[in-house]
């Protein structure tokens, strides 16, 4: 189990990737904010399968631009030593772990990515400016790593959708892969935020995935029934619901009369105690 090579500067990263680029090898990339868990490990495995022996790069960078005024940037867990162990176990070749000054020399950039209308709903409505920060740092990391393939988790489905849109609209030439959400045995989606839940809250949080499953099981009866069954599941537990919506796969509105076989997405966000959790699943009517 070889340890990955750690780069902390742009120059170090470029030097480590120079040979692979010169040989035309495919570069895989998994951007993270650290506090790695099995969900992140699954992204690394998905990336490895896509790059046919080329180098796999994982970034570990807590991005200040995506934290709002009400969110505690300093509270976000930073566990670099443990993260490097996860990367070593998954055969990561390069870990890019830059400082804030390395990513944003001179402070907050003057030019940022405007995320558009999709960034103002769901998570964007609750966290204004969040996706501007996400897309800006992803664009910067894409410019530094220049990956052929980048893997993101479907748990952050709105983020995945926006990254795909950015890559398409700006002709970035990166294949963006969405990997399935990894879950605990009780269905709770893996998240670095789960560590903040006490046992009672942890039990309540599992209602999010049960609500989504209830919608899946009742999708054959239509959108309203699926949504109502999901809400009924959440009402039985101590969760403060932010939103629960059913959309098309690109987060647009579904038609009034949904044809049989139509694919859709159900997304939920709720607070359990002081911890905000999100989840989503595919539906088919």
Protein backbone atom coordinates (compact mmCIF):
# COMPACT_ATOMS: atom_id res chain seq x y z
CA UNK A 1 0.00 0.00 0.00
CA UNK A 2 2.16 2.84 -1.30
CA UNK A 3 1.53 6.28 0.14
CA UNK A 4 0.41 8.90 -2.39
CA UNK A 5 2.74 11.74 -3.25
CA UNK A 6 1.51 14.97 -1.66
CA UNK A 7 1.68 18.23 -3.60
CA UNK A 8 0.95 21.50 -1.84
CA UNK A 9 1.79 23.95 -4.64
CA UNK A 10 0.80 24.39 -8.27
CA UNK A 11 4.38 23.82 -9.36
CA UNK A 12 4.65 20.51 -7.48
CA UNK A 13 1.36 19.30 -8.94
CA UNK A 14 2.36 20.24 -12.49
CA UNK A 15 5.71 18.47 -12.13
CA UNK A 16 4.07 15.29 -10.85
CA UNK A 17 1.64 15.20 -13.78
CA UNK A 18 4.08 16.20 -16.51
CA UNK A 19 5.17 12.68 -17.46
CA UNK A 20 1.60 11.35 -17.60
CA UNK A 21 0.49 14.21 -19.82
CA UNK A 22 3.53 13.83 -22.03
CA UNK A 23 2.73 10.14 -22.50
CA UNK A 24 -0.93 10.86 -23.23
CA UNK A 25 -2.16 8.96 -20.20
CA UNK A 26 -5.66 9.61 -18.85
CA UNK A 27 -5.76 11.65 -15.62
CA UNK A 28 -8.52 10.96 -13.09
CA UNK A 29 -9.59 13.45 -10.44
CA UNK A 30 -11.70 13.38 -7.29
CA UNK A 31 -12.11 16.81 -5.62
CA UNK A 32 -12.85 16.69 -1.88
CA UNK A 33 -12.78 18.85 1.23
CA UNK A 34 -11.22 16.05 3.26
CA UNK A 35 -12.72 14.25 6.27
CA UNK A 36 -12.77 11.27 3.93
CA UNK A 37 -15.08 8.29 4.45
CA UNK A 38 -16.21 5.26 2.48
CA UNK A 39 -18.30 7.45 0.19
CA UNK A 40 -15.17 9.28 -0.94
CA UNK A 41 -13.33 5.97 -1.27
CA UNK A 42 -16.03 4.76 -3.67
CA UNK A 43 -15.46 7.85 -5.83
CA UNK A 44 -11.76 7.00 -6.00
CA UNK A 45 -12.55 3.45 -7.07
CA UNK A 46 -14.95 4.73 -9.75
CA UNK A 47 -12.28 7.11 -11.05
CA UNK A 48 -9.66 4.37 -11.10
CA UNK A 49 -11.90 2.21 -13.28
CA UNK A 50 -12.18 5.03 -15.83
CA UNK A 51 -8.54 5.94 -16.39
CA UNK A 52 -6.87 2.70 -17.55
CA UNK A 53 -3.74 2.95 -15.45
CA UNK A 54 -3.25 6.71 -15.59
CA UNK A 55 -2.61 8.80 -12.47
CA UNK A 56 -5.41 9.39 -9.98
CA UNK A 57 -5.41 12.77 -8.24
CA UNK A 58 -7.43 13.59 -5.12
CA UNK A 59 -7.61 17.16 -3.88
CA UNK A 60 -8.12 17.94 -0.20
CA UNK A 61 -9.08 21.58 0.20
CA UNK A 62 -11.62 23.21 2.50
CA UNK A 63 -12.94 25.92 0.21
CA UNK A 64 -13.83 29.11 2.11
CA UNK A 65 -15.79 30.55 -0.83
CA UNK A 66 -18.62 28.04 -0.42
CA UNK A 67 -19.26 28.77 3.26
CA UNK A 68 -21.88 31.40 4.07
CA UNK A 69 -21.86 33.92 6.89
CA UNK A 70 -24.01 31.63 9.06
CA UNK A 71 -21.81 28.57 8.43
CA UNK A 72 -18.80 27.76 10.57
CA UNK A 73 -15.81 27.32 8.29
CA UNK A 74 -13.56 26.67 11.27
CA UNK A 75 -15.81 23.85 12.48
CA UNK A 76 -15.34 21.79 9.32
CA UNK A 77 -13.22 18.73 10.22
CA UNK A 78 -9.64 18.68 8.99
CA UNK A 79 -8.14 15.19 9.21
CA UNK A 80 -5.27 15.14 6.72
CA UNK A 81 -3.31 12.23 8.24
CA UNK A 82 -6.38 9.97 8.26
CA UNK A 83 -7.33 11.19 4.77
CA UNK A 84 -3.91 10.20 3.42
CA UNK A 85 -4.44 6.70 4.81
CA UNK A 86 -7.72 6.41 2.90
CA UNK A 87 -6.01 7.62 -0.27
CA UNK A 88 -3.16 5.13 0.18
CA UNK A 89 -5.62 2.28 0.66
CA UNK A 90 -7.42 3.21 -2.56
CA UNK A 91 -4.25 3.51 -4.63
CA UNK A 92 -4.35 7.27 -5.15
CA UNK A 93 -1.19 8.50 -6.87
CA UNK A 94 -1.23 12.20 -6.01
CA UNK A 95 -2.92 14.17 -3.24
CA UNK A 96 -3.16 17.89 -3.89
CA UNK A 97 -3.50 19.60 -0.50
CA UNK A 98 -2.94 23.31 -1.11
CA UNK A 99 -3.32 26.22 1.30
CA UNK A 100 -6.01 28.85 0.81
CA UNK A 101 -3.30 31.26 -0.33
CA UNK A 102 -2.14 28.77 -2.97
CA UNK A 103 -5.63 28.41 -4.45
CA UNK A 104 -6.60 32.08 -4.05
CA UNK A 105 -3.39 34.12 -4.28
CA UNK A 106 -4.15 37.70 -3.32
CA UNK A 107 -7.43 36.79 -1.64
CA UNK A 108 -10.91 36.23 -3.05
CA UNK A 109 -10.76 36.16 -6.86
CA UNK A 110 -12.15 39.11 -8.79
CA UNK A 111 -13.57 36.82 -11.48
CA UNK A 112 -15.87 34.02 -10.30
CA UNK A 113 -18.29 31.56 -11.88
CA UNK A 114 -21.90 32.77 -11.88
CA UNK A 115 -23.95 29.66 -11.37
CA UNK A 116 -27.22 30.84 -12.95
CA UNK A 117 -30.86 30.22 -12.05
CA UNK A 118 -30.35 26.62 -10.92
CA UNK A 119 -28.09 27.84 -8.12
CA UNK A 120 -30.88 29.91 -6.58
CA UNK A 121 -33.20 27.01 -5.70
CA UNK A 122 -33.00 24.10 -3.22
CA UNK A 123 -29.53 24.30 -1.63
CA UNK A 124 -28.88 27.62 -3.31
CA UNK A 125 -31.97 29.17 -1.73
CA UNK A 126 -30.88 28.07 1.73
CA UNK A 127 -27.21 28.89 1.12
CA UNK A 128 -26.92 32.01 -1.07
CA UNK A 129 -23.61 32.19 -2.90
CA UNK A 130 -22.73 28.59 -2.07
CA UNK A 131 -22.64 27.33 -5.65
CA UNK A 132 -20.74 30.35 -6.90
CA UNK A 133 -18.00 29.27 -4.50
CA UNK A 134 -18.30 25.60 -5.47
CA UNK A 135 -18.12 26.19 -9.21
CA UNK A 136 -15.30 28.70 -8.88
CA UNK A 137 -13.09 26.30 -6.95
CA UNK A 138 -13.98 23.36 -9.22
CA UNK A 139 -13.08 25.46 -12.27
CA UNK A 140 -9.76 26.42 -10.67
CA UNK A 141 -8.99 22.83 -9.73
CA UNK A 142 -9.87 21.63 -13.23
CA UNK A 143 -7.42 24.23 -14.57
CA UNK A 144 -4.68 23.03 -12.23
CA UNK A 145 -5.19 19.26 -12.54
CA UNK A 146 -6.49 19.27 -16.15
CA UNK A 147 -8.22 15.93 -15.66
CA UNK A 148 -9.75 13.79 -18.36
CA UNK A 149 -12.28 12.32 -15.90
CA UNK A 150 -13.64 13.85 -12.69
CA UNK A 151 -15.89 11.93 -10.29
CA UNK A 152 -18.48 13.51 -8.00
CA UNK A 153 -20.97 11.86 -5.65
CA UNK A 154 -24.67 11.81 -6.44
CA UNK A 155 -25.45 12.66 -2.81
CA UNK A 156 -24.70 16.29 -3.70
CA UNK A 157 -26.95 16.03 -6.73
CA UNK A 158 -27.50 19.74 -7.33
CA UNK A 159 -23.74 20.27 -7.21
CA UNK A 160 -23.20 17.43 -9.69
CA UNK A 161 -25.83 18.88 -12.04
CA UNK A 162 -24.27 22.34 -11.91
CA UNK A 163 -20.74 21.05 -12.49
CA UNK A 164 -21.96 19.14 -15.55
CA UNK A 165 -23.66 22.30 -16.82
CA UNK A 166 -20.52 24.38 -16.27
CA UNK A 167 -18.35 21.86 -18.12
CA UNK A 168 -20.84 21.81 -21.02
CA UNK A 169 -21.35 25.57 -21.23
CA UNK A 170 -17.65 26.47 -20.89
CA UNK A 171 -16.33 23.64 -23.10
CA UNK A 172 -13.99 22.36 -20.41
CA UNK A 173 -13.48 18.95 -22.00
CA UNK A 174 -13.78 16.98 -18.75
CA UNK A 175 -15.90 13.84 -18.47
CA UNK A 176 -17.95 14.33 -15.29
CA UNK A 177 -19.05 11.04 -13.71
CA UNK A 178 -21.72 10.83 -11.00
CA UNK A 179 -21.12 7.97 -8.56
CA UNK A 180 -23.90 6.30 -6.55
CA UNK A 181 -24.46 7.42 -2.95
CA UNK A 182 -22.89 5.13 -0.35
CA UNK A 183 -25.14 4.46 2.66
CA UNK A 184 -24.98 3.18 6.21
CA UNK A 185 -26.77 -0.13 6.90
CA UNK A 186 -29.90 1.80 7.99
CA UNK A 187 -29.89 3.80 4.75
CA UNK A 188 -28.43 7.09 6.00
CA UNK A 189 -26.22 8.63 3.31
CA UNK A 190 -22.58 8.80 4.33
CA UNK A 191 -21.51 12.36 5.14
CA UNK A 192 -18.79 14.03 7.15
CA UNK A 193 -21.62 15.83 8.96
CA UNK A 194 -22.97 12.59 10.43
CA UNK A 195 -20.31 12.77 13.14
CA UNK A 196 -22.19 15.69 14.69
CA UNK A 197 -25.32 13.59 15.40
CA UNK A 198 -25.93 12.11 18.84
CA UNK A 199 -27.57 8.64 19.00
CA UNK A 200 -31.13 9.99 19.12
CA UNK A 201 -30.46 12.38 16.23
CA UNK A 202 -28.73 9.62 14.30
CA UNK A 203 -31.89 7.51 14.52
CA UNK A 204 -34.06 10.44 13.42
CA UNK A 205 -31.74 11.20 10.49
CA UNK A 206 -32.33 7.77 8.98
CA UNK A 207 -35.90 8.95 8.26
CA UNK A 208 -34.57 10.92 5.29
CA UNK A 209 -33.63 7.83 3.32
CA UNK A 210 -36.80 6.02 4.43
CA UNK A 211 -38.85 8.94 3.11
CA UNK A 212 -37.10 8.70 -0.26
CA UNK A 213 -37.68 4.94 -0.35
CA UNK A 214 -41.35 5.51 0.40
CA UNK A 215 -41.53 7.83 -2.60
CA UNK A 216 -39.83 5.22 -4.80
CA UNK A 217 -42.26 2.54 -3.71
CA UNK A 218 -45.27 4.75 -4.44
CA UNK A 219 -44.07 6.42 -7.64
CA UNK A 220 -46.39 4.20 -9.69
CA UNK A 221 -49.32 6.11 -8.19
CA UNK A 222 -48.06 9.49 -9.39
CA UNK A 223 -46.07 12.51 -8.22
CA UNK A 224 -48.46 13.70 -5.52
CA UNK A 225 -48.80 10.30 -3.85
CA UNK A 226 -45.03 9.76 -3.92
CA UNK A 227 -44.42 13.17 -2.36
CA UNK A 228 -47.14 12.72 0.27
CA UNK A 229 -45.82 9.32 1.35
CA UNK A 230 -42.33 10.77 1.74
CA UNK A 231 -43.60 13.67 3.84
CA UNK A 232 -45.63 11.29 6.02
CA UNK A 233 -42.48 9.33 6.84
CA UNK A 234 -40.65 12.52 7.87
CA UNK A 235 -43.50 13.77 10.08
CA UNK A 236 -42.98 10.80 12.39
CA UNK A 237 -39.45 11.88 13.33
CA UNK A 238 -37.70 14.89 14.87
CA UNK A 239 -36.49 16.52 11.67
CA UNK A 240 -36.93 20.14 10.63
CA UNK A 241 -37.75 19.87 6.93
CA UNK A 242 -36.26 22.48 4.61
CA UNK A 243 -37.48 21.09 1.31
CA UNK A 244 -38.72 17.90 -0.30
CA UNK A 245 -39.21 18.13 -4.06
CA UNK A 246 -39.60 15.90 -7.09
CA UNK A 247 -37.98 17.16 -10.30
CA UNK A 248 -36.82 15.88 -13.66
CA UNK A 249 -33.25 14.43 -13.75
CA UNK A 250 -31.82 17.89 -14.60
CA UNK A 251 -33.69 19.51 -11.67
CA UNK A 252 -36.30 21.07 -13.93
CA UNK A 253 -40.07 20.86 -13.56
CA UNK A 254 -41.92 17.69 -14.45
CA UNK A 255 -44.79 17.88 -16.95
CA UNK A 256 -48.29 18.07 -15.51
CA UNK A 257 -49.09 14.59 -16.83
CA UNK A 258 -46.08 12.39 -16.25
CA UNK A 259 -45.90 9.62 -18.89
CA UNK A 260 -45.23 6.07 -17.67
CA UNK A 261 -41.53 5.29 -17.50
CA UNK A 262 -40.52 8.91 -16.86
CA UNK A 263 -37.32 9.27 -14.82
CA UNK A 264 -37.26 11.83 -12.02
CA UNK A 265 -35.35 12.80 -8.88
CA UNK A 266 -36.61 13.32 -5.35
CA UNK A 267 -34.45 15.57 -3.17
CA UNK A 268 -34.70 16.35 0.53
CA UNK A 269 -32.94 18.63 2.99
CA UNK A 270 -33.62 18.82 6.73
CA UNK A 271 -32.02 19.79 10.00
CA UNK A 272 -31.60 17.19 12.69
CA UNK A 273 -30.64 19.11 15.79
CA UNK A 274 -28.19 21.69 14.47
CA UNK A 275 -26.93 19.47 11.62
CA UNK A 276 -28.20 20.03 8.11
CA UNK A 277 -28.44 16.89 5.97
CA UNK A 278 -29.33 16.32 2.32
CA UNK A 279 -30.21 13.23 0.31
CA UNK A 280 -31.81 12.24 -2.99
CA UNK A 281 -32.83 9.22 -5.01
CA UNK A 282 -33.95 8.38 -8.53
CA UNK A 283 -37.65 7.80 -9.19
CA UNK A 284 -39.37 6.24 -12.17
CA UNK A 285 -43.09 6.74 -12.67
